[in-house]
Amino acid sequence: MGAISSMIAGTVVSVGWQLSGLPDSTGIDPMVTGILASTIAMIVGSLASQRSHPVPEHIARALEETARWAPSRPAC
């Protein structure tokens, strides 16, 4: 749900920003507002759907296995 809401929010805000003439009055490019809206929608959408659509077990196991094989960070 987060990815879809991110794409929709970014597109709507960017196009709306451009069509409303706000780039001329604010000096802020529509891409900036679209990316900001997209990022917020991604986070909110992902958190909202986390309980109803949890990470599948096989992906969680793959992530755990990858973490075991990842090189450890050296101490600073």
Protein backbone atom coordinates (compact mmCIF):
# COMPACT_ATOMS: atom_id res chain seq x y z
CA MET A 1 0.00 0.00 0.00
CA GLY A 2 2.90 2.34 0.68
CA ALA A 3 4.35 2.14 -2.82
CA ILE A 4 1.05 2.79 -4.57
CA SER A 5 0.11 5.66 -2.27
CA SER A 6 3.59 7.09 -2.80
CA MET A 7 3.25 7.11 -6.58
CA ILE A 8 -0.23 8.61 -6.49
CA ALA A 9 0.61 11.30 -3.93
CA GLY A 10 3.82 12.33 -5.70
CA THR A 11 2.08 12.63 -9.04
CA VAL A 12 -0.97 14.49 -7.75
CA VAL A 13 1.03 16.98 -5.70
CA SER A 14 3.59 17.61 -8.45
CA VAL A 15 0.98 18.13 -11.18
CA GLY A 16 -1.23 20.17 -8.86
CA TRP A 17 1.70 22.35 -7.86
CA GLN A 18 2.54 23.03 -11.50
CA LEU A 19 -1.05 23.67 -12.63
CA SER A 20 -1.76 26.02 -9.74
CA GLY A 21 1.16 28.26 -10.69
CA LEU A 22 2.92 27.84 -7.37
CA PRO A 23 6.39 27.33 -8.89
CA ASP A 24 6.37 30.95 -10.09
CA SER A 25 5.17 32.43 -6.80
CA THR A 26 7.20 30.23 -4.43
CA GLY A 27 10.24 29.37 -6.52
CA ILE A 28 9.92 25.72 -5.45
CA ASP A 29 10.10 23.18 -8.25
CA PRO A 30 7.16 20.74 -8.53
CA MET A 31 9.58 17.82 -8.40
CA VAL A 32 10.65 18.83 -4.88
CA THR A 33 7.07 18.93 -3.61
CA GLY A 34 6.27 15.67 -5.39
CA ILE A 35 9.23 13.87 -3.83
CA LEU A 36 8.36 15.21 -0.39
CA ALA A 37 4.71 14.13 -0.70
CA SER A 38 5.78 10.77 -2.13
CA THR A 39 8.15 10.08 0.74
CA ILE A 40 5.58 10.99 3.38
CA ALA A 41 2.93 8.84 1.68
CA MET A 42 5.36 5.90 1.46
CA ILE A 43 6.09 6.02 5.18
CA VAL A 44 2.49 6.54 6.27
CA GLY A 45 1.13 3.93 3.85
CA SER A 46 3.71 1.35 4.85
CA LEU A 47 3.12 1.87 8.56
CA ALA A 48 -0.67 1.81 8.11
CA SER A 49 -0.62 -1.52 6.25
CA GLN A 50 2.10 -3.20 8.32
CA ARG A 51 -0.32 -5.21 10.49
CA SER A 52 -2.72 -6.23 7.71
CA HIS A 53 0.05 -7.11 5.24
CA PRO A 54 3.11 -8.29 7.21
CA VAL A 55 6.35 -9.31 5.56
CA PRO A 56 6.03 -12.90 4.25
CA GLU A 57 7.90 -15.48 6.32
CA HIS A 58 10.21 -16.56 3.47
CA ILE A 59 11.36 -12.97 2.96
CA ALA A 60 11.93 -12.47 6.69
CA ARG A 61 14.07 -15.65 6.76
CA ALA A 62 16.06 -14.44 3.74
CA LEU A 63 16.71 -11.10 5.45
CA GLU A 64 17.86 -12.86 8.62
CA GLU A 65 20.18 -15.12 6.64
CA THR A 66 21.62 -12.15 4.78
CA ALA A 67 22.26 -10.36 8.08
CA ARG A 68 24.24 -13.37 9.34
CA TRP A 69 26.44 -13.34 6.24
CA ALA A 70 26.97 -9.60 6.18
CA PRO A 71 30.44 -8.48 7.20
CA SER A 72 30.65 -7.00 10.66
CA ARG A 73 31.66 -3.39 11.01
CA PRO A 74 35.11 -2.70 12.38
CA ALA A 75 35.32 -0.82 15.65
CA CYS A 76 36.16 2.86 15.30
